N, C-alpha and C. Protein backbone atom coordinates (compact mmCIF):
# COMPACT_ATOMS: atom_id res chain seq x y z
N MET A 1 98.22 -42.58 -57.86
CA MET A 1 98.19 -43.93 -58.36
C MET A 1 98.24 -44.88 -57.16
N THR A 2 97.36 -45.82 -57.20
CA THR A 2 97.32 -46.78 -56.10
C THR A 2 98.45 -47.80 -56.26
N PRO A 3 98.83 -48.48 -55.19
CA PRO A 3 99.85 -49.53 -55.31
C PRO A 3 99.46 -50.62 -56.31
N GLU A 4 98.18 -50.95 -56.37
CA GLU A 4 97.71 -51.96 -57.31
C GLU A 4 97.88 -51.50 -58.75
N GLN A 5 97.55 -50.22 -59.01
CA GLN A 5 97.72 -49.66 -60.35
C GLN A 5 99.20 -49.61 -60.74
N GLU A 6 100.04 -49.25 -59.81
CA GLU A 6 101.48 -49.20 -60.08
C GLU A 6 102.01 -50.60 -60.39
N GLU A 7 101.56 -51.59 -59.64
CA GLU A 7 102.00 -52.96 -59.89
C GLU A 7 101.56 -53.43 -61.27
N MET A 8 100.31 -53.12 -61.65
CA MET A 8 99.83 -53.50 -62.97
C MET A 8 100.65 -52.81 -64.06
N LEU A 9 100.96 -51.53 -63.86
CA LEU A 9 101.74 -50.78 -64.84
C LEU A 9 103.14 -51.35 -65.01
N THR A 10 103.76 -51.72 -63.92
CA THR A 10 105.14 -52.18 -63.98
C THR A 10 105.27 -53.66 -64.30
N THR A 11 104.17 -54.37 -64.42
CA THR A 11 104.26 -55.80 -64.76
C THR A 11 103.53 -56.09 -66.06
N SER A 12 102.24 -56.30 -66.01
CA SER A 12 101.52 -56.77 -67.19
C SER A 12 101.50 -55.74 -68.32
N LEU A 13 101.23 -54.48 -68.02
CA LEU A 13 101.22 -53.47 -69.09
C LEU A 13 102.61 -53.27 -69.66
N TYR A 14 103.62 -53.32 -68.81
CA TYR A 14 105.01 -53.20 -69.24
C TYR A 14 105.36 -54.31 -70.23
N ASN A 15 105.02 -55.52 -69.88
CA ASN A 15 105.32 -56.66 -70.76
C ASN A 15 104.52 -56.61 -72.05
N ASP A 16 103.24 -56.23 -71.97
CA ASP A 16 102.42 -56.09 -73.17
C ASP A 16 103.00 -55.05 -74.11
N LEU A 17 103.42 -53.93 -73.57
CA LEU A 17 103.98 -52.85 -74.38
C LEU A 17 105.27 -53.32 -75.07
N LYS A 18 106.13 -54.00 -74.34
CA LYS A 18 107.36 -54.53 -74.93
C LYS A 18 107.06 -55.47 -76.08
N GLU A 19 106.09 -56.35 -75.90
CA GLU A 19 105.74 -57.30 -76.95
C GLU A 19 105.21 -56.59 -78.19
N ARG A 20 104.38 -55.58 -78.00
CA ARG A 20 103.83 -54.84 -79.14
C ARG A 20 104.92 -54.07 -79.88
N ILE A 21 105.80 -53.44 -79.13
CA ILE A 21 106.90 -52.71 -79.77
C ILE A 21 107.78 -53.67 -80.56
N ALA A 22 108.11 -54.81 -79.97
CA ALA A 22 108.94 -55.81 -80.64
C ALA A 22 108.27 -56.30 -81.93
N GLU A 23 106.97 -56.54 -81.84
CA GLU A 23 106.23 -57.01 -83.02
C GLU A 23 106.19 -55.93 -84.11
N ASN A 24 105.91 -54.70 -83.73
CA ASN A 24 105.81 -53.61 -84.70
C ASN A 24 107.13 -53.29 -85.38
N HIS A 25 108.23 -53.48 -84.66
CA HIS A 25 109.54 -53.14 -85.20
C HIS A 25 110.35 -54.37 -85.60
N ASP A 26 109.73 -55.54 -85.50
CA ASP A 26 110.34 -56.80 -85.90
C ASP A 26 111.71 -57.01 -85.25
N VAL A 27 111.73 -56.87 -83.93
CA VAL A 27 112.94 -57.12 -83.14
C VAL A 27 112.58 -58.05 -81.98
N PRO A 28 113.57 -58.76 -81.45
CA PRO A 28 113.29 -59.64 -80.30
C PRO A 28 112.89 -58.83 -79.06
N VAL A 29 111.97 -59.37 -78.30
CA VAL A 29 111.50 -58.70 -77.08
C VAL A 29 112.67 -58.42 -76.14
N ALA A 30 113.65 -59.31 -76.11
CA ALA A 30 114.80 -59.13 -75.22
C ALA A 30 115.60 -57.87 -75.53
N GLN A 31 115.48 -57.36 -76.75
CA GLN A 31 116.22 -56.14 -77.12
C GLN A 31 115.49 -54.86 -76.73
N ILE A 32 114.26 -54.98 -76.28
CA ILE A 32 113.46 -53.82 -75.88
C ILE A 32 113.70 -53.54 -74.41
N GLN A 33 114.11 -52.33 -74.11
CA GLN A 33 114.30 -51.92 -72.72
C GLN A 33 113.49 -50.64 -72.50
N LEU A 34 112.60 -50.68 -71.55
CA LEU A 34 111.76 -49.53 -71.24
C LEU A 34 112.15 -48.97 -69.87
N ARG A 35 112.05 -47.66 -69.73
CA ARG A 35 112.29 -47.02 -68.45
C ARG A 35 111.06 -46.20 -68.08
N MET A 36 110.77 -46.13 -66.82
CA MET A 36 109.62 -45.37 -66.34
C MET A 36 110.09 -44.22 -65.46
N ILE A 37 109.39 -43.13 -65.59
CA ILE A 37 109.64 -41.97 -64.74
C ILE A 37 108.33 -41.65 -64.03
N HIS A 38 108.37 -41.54 -62.74
CA HIS A 38 107.19 -41.19 -61.98
C HIS A 38 107.02 -39.67 -61.98
N VAL A 39 105.85 -39.23 -62.41
CA VAL A 39 105.55 -37.80 -62.48
C VAL A 39 104.46 -37.52 -61.46
N LYS A 40 104.71 -36.56 -60.60
CA LYS A 40 103.74 -36.24 -59.55
C LYS A 40 102.60 -35.38 -60.09
N GLN A 41 102.94 -34.38 -60.90
CA GLN A 41 101.90 -33.46 -61.35
C GLN A 41 102.32 -32.85 -62.68
N ILE A 42 101.35 -32.68 -63.57
CA ILE A 42 101.60 -31.98 -64.82
C ILE A 42 100.49 -30.95 -65.02
N SER A 43 100.80 -29.94 -65.80
CA SER A 43 99.76 -28.99 -66.17
C SER A 43 99.60 -29.05 -67.69
N VAL A 44 98.38 -28.96 -68.13
CA VAL A 44 98.07 -29.09 -69.55
C VAL A 44 97.33 -27.85 -70.01
N ASN A 45 97.82 -27.26 -71.09
CA ASN A 45 97.12 -26.14 -71.70
C ASN A 45 96.17 -26.73 -72.75
N TYR A 46 94.95 -27.02 -72.33
CA TYR A 46 94.00 -27.69 -73.20
C TYR A 46 93.60 -26.83 -74.40
N ASP A 47 93.61 -25.52 -74.24
CA ASP A 47 93.28 -24.65 -75.37
C ASP A 47 94.31 -24.81 -76.49
N TYR A 48 95.60 -24.80 -76.11
CA TYR A 48 96.67 -24.96 -77.11
C TYR A 48 96.63 -26.36 -77.71
N LEU A 49 96.42 -27.36 -76.89
CA LEU A 49 96.34 -28.74 -77.37
C LEU A 49 95.19 -28.90 -78.35
N THR A 50 94.04 -28.36 -78.01
CA THR A 50 92.87 -28.42 -78.90
C THR A 50 93.14 -27.69 -80.20
N GLU A 51 93.79 -26.54 -80.12
CA GLU A 51 94.13 -25.76 -81.31
C GLU A 51 95.03 -26.56 -82.26
N LEU A 52 96.03 -27.23 -81.71
CA LEU A 52 96.92 -28.03 -82.55
C LEU A 52 96.20 -29.21 -83.18
N ILE A 53 95.34 -29.88 -82.43
CA ILE A 53 94.60 -31.02 -82.96
C ILE A 53 93.65 -30.57 -84.06
N GLU A 54 92.97 -29.46 -83.85
CA GLU A 54 92.05 -28.93 -84.87
C GLU A 54 92.82 -28.56 -86.14
N ALA A 55 93.97 -27.92 -85.98
CA ALA A 55 94.77 -27.53 -87.14
C ALA A 55 95.25 -28.77 -87.89
N LEU A 56 95.65 -29.80 -87.16
CA LEU A 56 96.08 -31.05 -87.79
C LEU A 56 94.94 -31.67 -88.57
N MET A 57 93.77 -31.75 -87.96
CA MET A 57 92.60 -32.35 -88.63
C MET A 57 92.22 -31.55 -89.88
N ASN A 58 92.24 -30.23 -89.78
CA ASN A 58 91.91 -29.40 -90.94
C ASN A 58 92.92 -29.59 -92.06
N ALA A 59 94.20 -29.65 -91.72
CA ALA A 59 95.23 -29.83 -92.74
C ALA A 59 95.05 -31.17 -93.46
N VAL A 60 94.75 -32.23 -92.70
CA VAL A 60 94.53 -33.54 -93.32
C VAL A 60 93.29 -33.49 -94.20
N HIS A 61 92.22 -32.89 -93.69
CA HIS A 61 90.98 -32.79 -94.47
C HIS A 61 91.19 -32.05 -95.78
N GLU A 62 92.03 -31.01 -95.73
CA GLU A 62 92.31 -30.19 -96.92
C GLU A 62 93.46 -30.76 -97.75
N LYS A 63 93.93 -31.95 -97.35
CA LYS A 63 95.01 -32.65 -98.05
C LYS A 63 96.29 -31.83 -98.12
N ARG A 64 96.56 -31.06 -97.08
CA ARG A 64 97.83 -30.31 -96.94
C ARG A 64 98.73 -31.13 -96.02
N MET A 65 99.32 -32.18 -96.58
CA MET A 65 100.05 -33.15 -95.77
C MET A 65 101.34 -32.59 -95.18
N ASP A 66 101.98 -31.64 -95.85
CA ASP A 66 103.18 -31.02 -95.27
C ASP A 66 102.82 -30.26 -94.00
N ALA A 67 101.74 -29.51 -94.05
CA ALA A 67 101.28 -28.77 -92.87
C ALA A 67 100.84 -29.76 -91.78
N ALA A 68 100.16 -30.83 -92.18
CA ALA A 68 99.72 -31.83 -91.21
C ALA A 68 100.92 -32.45 -90.51
N ALA A 69 101.97 -32.73 -91.26
CA ALA A 69 103.19 -33.30 -90.65
C ALA A 69 103.80 -32.33 -89.65
N ASP A 70 103.76 -31.03 -89.96
CA ASP A 70 104.29 -30.03 -89.03
C ASP A 70 103.48 -30.01 -87.74
N TYR A 71 102.15 -30.04 -87.86
CA TYR A 71 101.30 -30.04 -86.66
C TYR A 71 101.49 -31.32 -85.86
N ARG A 72 101.64 -32.43 -86.54
CA ARG A 72 101.88 -33.69 -85.86
C ARG A 72 103.19 -33.62 -85.07
N GLU A 73 104.21 -33.08 -85.69
CA GLU A 73 105.50 -32.95 -85.01
C GLU A 73 105.39 -32.06 -83.77
N LYS A 74 104.63 -30.97 -83.88
CA LYS A 74 104.42 -30.09 -82.72
C LYS A 74 103.72 -30.85 -81.60
N LEU A 75 102.72 -31.66 -81.95
CA LEU A 75 102.01 -32.44 -80.93
C LEU A 75 102.93 -33.47 -80.29
N MET A 76 103.77 -34.09 -81.08
CA MET A 76 104.63 -35.15 -80.56
C MET A 76 105.77 -34.61 -79.70
N THR A 77 106.11 -33.35 -79.86
CA THR A 77 107.24 -32.79 -79.13
C THR A 77 106.81 -31.77 -78.08
N LEU A 78 105.54 -31.80 -77.70
CA LEU A 78 105.07 -30.89 -76.65
C LEU A 78 105.87 -31.10 -75.37
N GLN A 79 106.17 -30.05 -74.71
CA GLN A 79 106.86 -30.12 -73.43
C GLN A 79 105.82 -30.09 -72.33
N TRP A 80 105.75 -31.14 -71.55
CA TRP A 80 104.79 -31.23 -70.44
C TRP A 80 105.50 -30.75 -69.19
N LEU A 81 105.01 -29.64 -68.67
CA LEU A 81 105.62 -29.05 -67.47
C LEU A 81 104.80 -29.36 -66.25
């Protein structure tokens, strides 16, 4: 990440995100506190990620919403190593 990209992330995008969260949750912007963690490198298992997304899409298409919720939860709680 370049210094310019980091500055944009920590200023304008940070403030935009706070405003959107405040608006979506109907709370004052001053109550929103965000923290950032710098990550040097991550590895992604794209095959597993694709498999979960396909399973989620199929479950929604087949109107199996309980299964879709399970796949969504798996996607939301993936551990990025």
